[in-house]
Amino acid sequence: MRIGMALNYAGGFKETVAELADYEKAGLDIVFVAEAYSFDAVSQMGYIAARTERLQIASGILPIYSRTPALLAMTASGMDYVSDGRFTLGLGASGPQVIEGFHGVPYTAPLGRTREVIEICRKVWRRERLEYAGKHYTLPFPGGTGLGKPLKLINHPVRDRIPIVLAAIGPKNVELAAELAEGWEPIFFMPEKAADVWGASLAAGKAKRDPSLGELDVIAQAFLAIGDDVDELRDLGRPMAALYIGGMGAKGKNFYNDLARRYGYEKEAERIQDLYLEGKKDEAAALVPAELIERMSLIGSEGFVRDRVAAMREAGVTTINVAPIARTHEERLALIEKIRDIAG
């Protein structure tokens, strides 16, 4: 299993990147760089590429709405070039709050747009003249001046197929990931219930999957702390879980709330959302089910963590994207070394 880590630069971006070389030596395989509505991810990933040698670098995620498909393809090609073939293009739909509120474009047809974006990106990487007639994207543009012409990427990409990871949790989105992408990144992955929630979607997608894509890389996220007195650290995951389940969207339009319900926490999900939308964030966090927090985490004794890693492996996880929790950089490095050893 690969070991990944999301870049968290609360203490300073350049300082965090300087530490990545240590994580690289400790066995970290891949770093994921988020893009919400803060600094863009691409400039940060370019900086990381220049400061590391072996570490894989992934966008986690670039929203499909904030760039044209061709620009996404160009960006991925450029990142793969400056990193010597170490880049993974993580894509996702984000949500209406960010896309319509911050980017000012309509949040429409996320499933259809994602499919077309992937198809266009792969045409660009193969250096085909870019002609595409889709429902959502038509290239060249049929209107305007009428001067648009089919073009192909000037540069020769390092790879003509850059790995694509889709962040997805809805049934149809997960099916699309299993059909078209090299990797799938769900959020709030609970191994014991993953098959019930996503099994049918994964099977349907894999039935249509091109064998040349290889096996689907399943990327699960987890907070990480190992010791006999760390169980209380699981509560650190409550505010984030409450934010997503309660605050990422509105009534009837919250993908993460829907997921919690599909896990079997219908009453809890409804109450968490009500409290969060009322501004009672601490009360909402307190209602996040302890079972959900425990089973999504790698926080506990070494035996507990080994059991959770085994459960993830059994559920199909191939990359664990961890957030090490410790007081010092040295202690966080030790956690990466330990999980590297456990995951094998």
Protein backbone atom coordinates (compact mmCIF):
# COMPACT_ATOMS: atom_id res chain seq x y z
CA MET A 1 0.00 0.00 0.00
CA ARG A 2 1.21 3.50 -0.79
CA ILE A 3 1.42 6.09 1.97
CA GLY A 4 0.20 9.57 1.11
CA MET A 5 -0.25 12.79 3.02
CA ALA A 6 -2.28 15.92 2.39
CA LEU A 7 -0.15 19.05 2.53
CA ASN A 8 -1.13 21.06 5.58
CA TYR A 9 0.72 24.34 5.72
CA ALA A 10 -0.93 26.06 8.68
CA GLY A 11 2.56 26.70 10.00
CA GLY A 12 3.76 28.21 6.73
CA PHE A 13 3.88 26.80 3.22
CA LYS A 14 7.62 27.09 2.54
CA GLU A 15 8.45 25.70 5.97
CA THR A 16 6.17 22.71 5.37
CA VAL A 17 7.64 22.01 1.93
CA ALA A 18 11.15 22.15 3.40
CA GLU A 19 10.07 19.30 5.69
CA LEU A 20 8.74 17.20 2.79
CA ALA A 21 12.26 16.01 1.97
CA ASP A 22 12.34 14.41 5.42
CA TYR A 23 8.97 12.75 4.85
CA GLU A 24 10.23 11.52 1.50
CA LYS A 25 13.17 9.83 3.24
CA ALA A 26 10.82 8.41 5.87
CA GLY A 27 8.85 6.56 3.20
CA LEU A 28 6.10 8.93 2.12
CA ASP A 29 5.05 8.04 -1.43
CA ILE A 30 2.72 10.85 -2.51
CA VAL A 31 1.60 14.29 -1.34
CA PHE A 32 -1.82 15.73 -2.15
CA VAL A 33 -2.29 19.48 -2.53
CA ALA A 34 -5.80 20.84 -2.09
CA GLU A 35 -7.39 23.76 -3.90
CA ALA A 36 -10.45 25.33 -2.30
CA TYR A 37 -10.64 29.14 -2.38
CA SER A 38 -7.23 29.95 -0.98
CA PHE A 39 -3.95 30.04 -2.92
CA ASP A 40 -4.07 27.97 -6.10
CA ALA A 41 -2.68 24.43 -5.93
CA VAL A 42 -0.64 24.52 -9.14
CA SER A 43 1.94 27.11 -8.07
CA GLN A 44 2.41 25.18 -4.83
CA MET A 45 2.84 21.85 -6.61
CA GLY A 46 5.45 23.35 -8.91
CA TYR A 47 7.36 24.54 -5.87
CA ILE A 48 7.13 21.06 -4.33
CA ALA A 49 8.42 19.48 -7.56
CA ALA A 50 11.52 21.65 -7.37
CA ARG A 51 12.19 20.73 -3.74
CA THR A 52 11.69 16.94 -3.91
CA GLU A 53 13.14 14.10 -5.95
CA ARG A 54 11.09 10.90 -5.59
CA LEU A 55 7.82 12.03 -4.05
CA GLN A 56 4.71 11.72 -6.21
CA ILE A 57 2.65 14.93 -6.36
CA ALA A 58 -1.12 15.04 -6.80
CA SER A 59 -3.72 17.76 -6.97
CA GLY A 60 -6.26 16.92 -4.37
CA ILE A 61 -8.38 18.28 -6.03
CA LEU A 62 -8.61 20.70 -8.95
CA PRO A 63 -12.28 21.56 -9.58
CA ILE A 64 -13.41 20.79 -13.12
CA TYR A 65 -15.32 24.09 -13.38
CA SER A 66 -12.52 26.56 -12.64
CA ARG A 67 -10.41 25.78 -15.73
CA THR A 68 -11.18 24.74 -19.29
CA PRO A 69 -10.52 21.07 -20.11
CA ALA A 70 -7.60 22.06 -22.34
CA LEU A 71 -6.05 24.16 -19.57
CA LEU A 72 -6.39 21.26 -17.14
CA ALA A 73 -4.57 19.09 -19.68
CA MET A 74 -1.86 21.73 -20.22
CA THR A 75 -1.43 22.17 -16.47
CA ALA A 76 -1.08 18.44 -15.91
CA SER A 77 1.43 18.18 -18.77
CA GLY A 78 3.45 21.05 -17.34
CA MET A 79 3.41 19.60 -13.84
CA ASP A 80 4.42 16.18 -15.15
CA TYR A 81 7.29 17.83 -17.02
CA VAL A 82 8.73 19.84 -14.13
CA SER A 83 8.37 16.85 -11.78
CA ASP A 84 9.95 14.35 -14.22
CA GLY A 85 6.80 12.26 -14.48
CA ARG A 86 5.71 12.38 -10.83
CA PHE A 87 2.33 14.09 -11.24
CA THR A 88 -1.21 12.80 -10.73
CA LEU A 89 -4.17 14.90 -11.82
CA GLY A 90 -6.76 14.82 -9.06
CA LEU A 91 -10.12 16.12 -10.25
CA GLY A 92 -13.47 16.69 -8.62
CA ALA A 93 -16.67 18.64 -8.96
CA SER A 94 -16.33 20.56 -5.67
CA GLY A 95 -19.75 21.99 -4.77
CA PRO A 96 -22.17 24.79 -5.65
CA GLN A 97 -21.05 27.03 -2.78
CA VAL A 98 -17.52 27.31 -4.14
CA ILE A 99 -18.19 26.99 -7.87
CA GLU A 100 -21.07 29.42 -8.09
CA GLY A 101 -20.13 31.57 -5.11
CA PHE A 102 -16.40 32.00 -5.72
CA HIS A 103 -15.88 31.17 -9.39
CA GLY A 104 -19.16 32.57 -10.63
CA VAL A 105 -20.02 29.76 -13.04
CA PRO A 106 -23.07 27.49 -12.92
CA TYR A 107 -22.72 24.17 -11.14
CA THR A 108 -24.30 22.03 -13.84
CA ALA A 109 -23.95 18.43 -15.04
CA PRO A 110 -20.93 17.44 -12.88
CA LEU A 111 -21.05 13.83 -14.07
CA GLY A 112 -21.22 14.59 -17.79
CA ARG A 113 -18.64 17.36 -17.56
CA THR A 114 -16.20 15.13 -15.70
CA ARG A 115 -16.40 12.44 -18.37
CA GLU A 116 -15.78 14.97 -21.15
CA VAL A 117 -12.92 16.65 -19.28
CA ILE A 118 -11.15 13.29 -18.93
CA GLU A 119 -11.65 12.44 -22.59
CA ILE A 120 -10.35 15.85 -23.71
CA CYS A 121 -7.33 15.71 -21.41
CA ARG A 122 -6.27 12.36 -22.80
CA LYS A 123 -6.63 13.61 -26.39
CA VAL A 124 -4.37 16.57 -25.53
CA TRP A 125 -1.75 14.32 -23.90
CA ARG A 126 -1.72 12.10 -27.01
CA ARG A 127 -1.05 15.28 -29.02
CA GLU A 128 -4.07 14.76 -31.21
CA ARG A 129 -5.52 17.75 -33.02
CA LEU A 130 -8.16 18.83 -30.59
CA GLU A 131 -11.56 18.20 -32.09
CA TYR A 132 -14.33 17.23 -29.70
CA ALA A 133 -18.10 17.25 -29.97
CA GLY A 134 -19.62 16.68 -26.56
CA LYS A 135 -22.77 17.76 -24.81
CA HIS A 136 -20.91 20.24 -22.62
CA TYR A 137 -17.71 21.02 -24.55
CA THR A 138 -17.25 21.49 -28.29
CA LEU A 139 -13.80 22.11 -29.72
CA PRO A 140 -13.14 24.18 -31.71
CA PHE A 141 -15.81 26.51 -30.38
CA PRO A 142 -18.59 26.63 -32.99
CA GLY A 143 -19.52 30.27 -32.44
CA GLY A 144 -17.54 33.41 -31.83
CA THR A 145 -15.38 34.70 -34.66
CA GLY A 146 -15.43 31.41 -36.55
CA LEU A 147 -11.62 31.47 -36.62
CA GLY A 148 -11.07 28.65 -34.15
CA LYS A 149 -9.04 25.76 -35.54
CA PRO A 150 -8.09 22.32 -34.24
CA LEU A 151 -4.73 22.56 -32.49
CA LYS A 152 -2.48 20.05 -30.79
CA LEU A 153 -0.21 20.53 -27.81
CA ILE A 154 3.09 22.06 -28.93
CA ASN A 155 5.25 20.27 -26.37
CA HIS A 156 5.70 16.52 -26.17
CA PRO A 157 4.42 15.42 -22.73
CA VAL A 158 6.61 13.24 -20.54
CA ARG A 159 3.73 10.72 -20.56
CA ASP A 160 0.81 10.46 -22.94
CA ARG A 161 -1.36 9.15 -20.11
CA ILE A 162 -1.01 11.06 -16.87
CA PRO A 163 -2.82 9.30 -13.99
CA ILE A 164 -6.21 10.78 -13.12
CA VAL A 165 -7.81 10.44 -9.71
CA LEU A 166 -11.46 11.33 -9.21
CA ALA A 167 -12.78 12.47 -5.85
CA ALA A 168 -16.26 10.99 -5.70
CA ILE A 169 -18.81 9.69 -3.22
CA GLY A 170 -22.13 9.66 -5.09
CA PRO A 171 -23.17 6.36 -6.75
CA LYS A 172 -22.90 7.57 -10.35
CA ASN A 173 -19.69 9.53 -9.70
CA VAL A 174 -18.05 6.49 -8.12
CA GLU A 175 -19.14 4.36 -11.08
CA LEU A 176 -17.54 6.92 -13.41
CA ALA A 177 -14.29 6.84 -11.42
CA ALA A 178 -14.16 3.05 -11.60
CA GLU A 179 -14.78 3.19 -15.35
CA LEU A 180 -12.48 6.01 -16.48
CA ALA A 181 -9.92 7.00 -13.85
CA GLU A 182 -6.68 5.48 -12.63
CA GLY A 183 -7.67 6.28 -9.06
CA TRP A 184 -10.67 6.98 -6.84
CA GLU A 185 -10.58 9.10 -3.70
CA PRO A 186 -13.64 8.96 -1.46
CA ILE A 187 -13.98 10.94 1.75
CA PHE A 188 -14.94 9.46 5.13
CA PHE A 189 -13.98 5.94 4.06
CA MET A 190 -15.36 3.36 6.49
CA PRO A 191 -14.03 -0.08 5.46
CA GLU A 192 -16.77 -2.12 7.09
CA LYS A 193 -19.51 -0.30 5.17
CA ALA A 194 -17.70 0.55 1.94
CA ALA A 195 -19.00 -2.48 0.04
CA ASP A 196 -22.60 -1.80 1.04
CA VAL A 197 -22.39 1.87 0.06
CA TRP A 198 -20.13 1.75 -3.01
CA GLY A 199 -19.79 -1.90 -4.04
CA ALA A 200 -22.46 -1.88 -6.74
CA SER A 201 -21.16 1.37 -8.24
CA LEU A 202 -17.58 0.11 -8.32
CA ALA A 203 -18.64 -3.16 -9.94
CA ALA A 204 -20.69 -1.37 -12.59
CA GLY A 205 -17.81 0.97 -13.42
CA LYS A 206 -15.17 -1.77 -13.52
CA ALA A 207 -17.34 -3.78 -15.92
CA LYS A 208 -16.83 -0.98 -18.47
CA ARG A 209 -13.21 -0.26 -17.57
CA ASP A 210 -10.47 -0.29 -20.21
CA PRO A 211 -7.94 -2.95 -19.11
CA SER A 212 -5.10 -0.62 -20.11
CA LEU A 213 -5.99 1.57 -17.12
CA GLY A 214 -4.83 -1.16 -14.74
CA GLU A 215 -6.31 -1.79 -11.32
CA LEU A 216 -8.18 1.06 -9.67
CA ASP A 217 -6.10 2.87 -7.04
CA VAL A 218 -8.40 3.38 -4.02
CA ILE A 219 -7.24 6.26 -1.83
CA ALA A 220 -8.60 6.44 1.72
CA GLN A 221 -7.97 9.29 4.15
CA ALA A 222 -7.26 8.87 7.85
CA PHE A 223 -5.89 10.76 10.82
CA LEU A 224 -2.84 8.94 12.21
CA ALA A 225 -1.53 8.60 15.76
CA ILE A 226 -0.06 5.46 17.31
CA GLY A 227 0.25 4.83 21.05
CA ASP A 228 -1.46 3.47 24.12
CA ASP A 229 -2.77 6.88 25.22
CA VAL A 230 -3.89 8.55 21.99
CA ASP A 231 -7.53 7.46 21.67
CA GLU A 232 -8.75 10.91 22.75
CA LEU A 233 -7.09 12.39 19.65
CA ARG A 234 -9.89 10.89 17.56
CA ASP A 235 -12.03 13.81 18.68
CA LEU A 236 -9.84 16.08 16.56
CA GLY A 237 -11.71 14.71 13.57
CA ARG A 238 -15.09 15.82 14.87
CA PRO A 239 -15.01 19.47 13.71
CA MET A 240 -14.10 18.52 10.14
CA ALA A 241 -16.71 15.77 10.01
CA ALA A 242 -19.33 18.18 11.34
CA LEU A 243 -18.29 20.83 8.82
CA TYR A 244 -18.81 18.45 5.91
CA ILE A 245 -21.88 16.60 7.19
CA GLY A 246 -23.51 19.75 8.51
CA GLY A 247 -22.19 22.75 6.65
CA MET A 248 -21.02 21.77 3.15
CA GLY A 249 -24.20 22.62 1.31
CA ALA A 250 -27.83 23.16 2.21
CA LYS A 251 -30.78 21.02 3.23
CA GLY A 252 -31.22 18.38 0.57
CA LYS A 253 -28.03 19.50 -1.23
CA ASN A 254 -25.19 18.12 0.89
CA PHE A 255 -23.30 15.15 -0.59
CA TYR A 256 -21.51 14.39 2.67
CA ASN A 257 -24.71 14.43 4.68
CA ASP A 258 -26.12 11.97 2.17
CA LEU A 259 -23.09 9.72 2.69
CA ALA A 260 -23.52 9.71 6.48
CA ARG A 261 -27.13 8.68 5.95
CA ARG A 262 -26.09 5.89 3.60
CA TYR A 263 -23.71 4.69 6.32
CA GLY A 264 -26.75 4.30 8.54
CA TYR A 265 -26.53 7.49 10.59
CA GLU A 266 -29.74 9.10 9.32
CA LYS A 267 -30.89 10.69 12.59
CA GLU A 268 -27.40 11.86 13.53
CA ALA A 269 -26.82 13.37 10.07
CA GLU A 270 -30.07 15.31 10.21
CA ARG A 271 -29.39 16.66 13.69
CA ILE A 272 -25.76 17.56 12.90
CA GLN A 273 -26.89 19.54 9.87
CA ASP A 274 -29.63 21.34 11.79
CA LEU A 275 -27.24 22.37 14.53
CA TYR A 276 -24.47 23.38 12.15
CA LEU A 277 -26.73 25.52 10.01
CA GLU A 278 -27.98 27.18 13.21
CA GLY A 279 -24.39 28.14 14.00
CA LYS A 280 -24.03 25.60 16.82
CA LYS A 281 -20.85 24.05 15.46
CA ASP A 282 -19.54 22.61 18.73
CA GLU A 283 -22.85 20.91 19.46
CA ALA A 284 -22.90 19.52 15.93
CA ALA A 285 -19.36 18.15 16.32
CA ALA A 286 -20.29 16.45 19.59
CA LEU A 287 -22.99 14.47 17.77
CA VAL A 288 -20.69 12.94 15.16
CA PRO A 289 -20.98 9.20 15.92
CA ALA A 290 -17.99 7.82 17.82
CA GLU A 291 -18.11 4.66 15.70
CA LEU A 292 -17.71 6.70 12.51
CA ILE A 293 -14.77 8.66 13.92
CA GLU A 294 -13.06 5.51 15.22
CA ARG A 295 -13.44 3.40 12.09
CA MET A 296 -12.30 6.15 9.74
CA SER A 297 -9.14 6.78 11.75
CA LEU A 298 -5.75 5.22 12.35
CA ILE A 299 -5.60 6.51 15.91
CA GLY A 300 -4.94 4.02 18.68
CA SER A 301 -2.53 1.35 19.81
CA GLU A 302 -0.23 -0.28 17.28
CA GLY A 303 -2.47 -3.33 17.32
CA PHE A 304 -5.53 -1.19 16.60
CA VAL A 305 -3.80 0.55 13.71
CA ARG A 306 -2.62 -2.75 12.25
CA ASP A 307 -6.20 -4.05 12.40
CA ARG A 308 -7.54 -0.90 10.71
CA VAL A 309 -4.93 -1.09 7.95
CA ALA A 310 -5.89 -4.74 7.40
CA ALA A 311 -9.57 -3.73 7.20
CA MET A 312 -8.72 -1.04 4.65
CA ARG A 313 -6.71 -3.51 2.59
CA GLU A 314 -9.59 -5.99 2.70
CA ALA A 315 -11.94 -3.21 1.51
CA GLY A 316 -9.72 -2.56 -1.52
CA VAL A 317 -7.67 0.41 -0.33
CA THR A 318 -4.32 0.71 -2.10
CA THR A 319 -3.21 4.17 -0.90
CA ILE A 320 -3.66 5.53 2.63
CA ASN A 321 -3.64 9.31 2.73
CA VAL A 322 -2.72 10.05 6.35
CA ALA A 323 -2.66 13.14 8.53
CA PRO A 324 -0.04 12.43 11.22
CA ILE A 325 -0.87 13.97 14.59
CA ALA A 326 2.08 14.71 16.87
CA ARG A 327 3.70 17.62 18.66
CA THR A 328 6.97 17.75 16.76
CA HIS A 329 8.24 17.24 13.24
CA GLU A 330 10.40 14.35 14.45
CA GLU A 331 7.41 12.60 15.99
CA ARG A 332 5.40 13.04 12.78
CA LEU A 333 8.29 11.54 10.79
CA ALA A 334 8.31 8.57 13.15
CA LEU A 335 4.60 8.07 12.48
CA ILE A 336 5.20 8.01 8.73
CA GLU A 337 7.99 5.47 9.19
CA LYS A 338 5.74 3.33 11.38
CA ILE A 339 2.73 3.35 9.06
CA ARG A 340 5.07 2.65 6.16
CA ASP A 341 6.24 -0.46 8.02
CA ILE A 342 2.70 -1.53 8.95
CA ALA A 343 1.30 -1.04 5.45
CA GLY A 344 4.17 -3.00 3.93
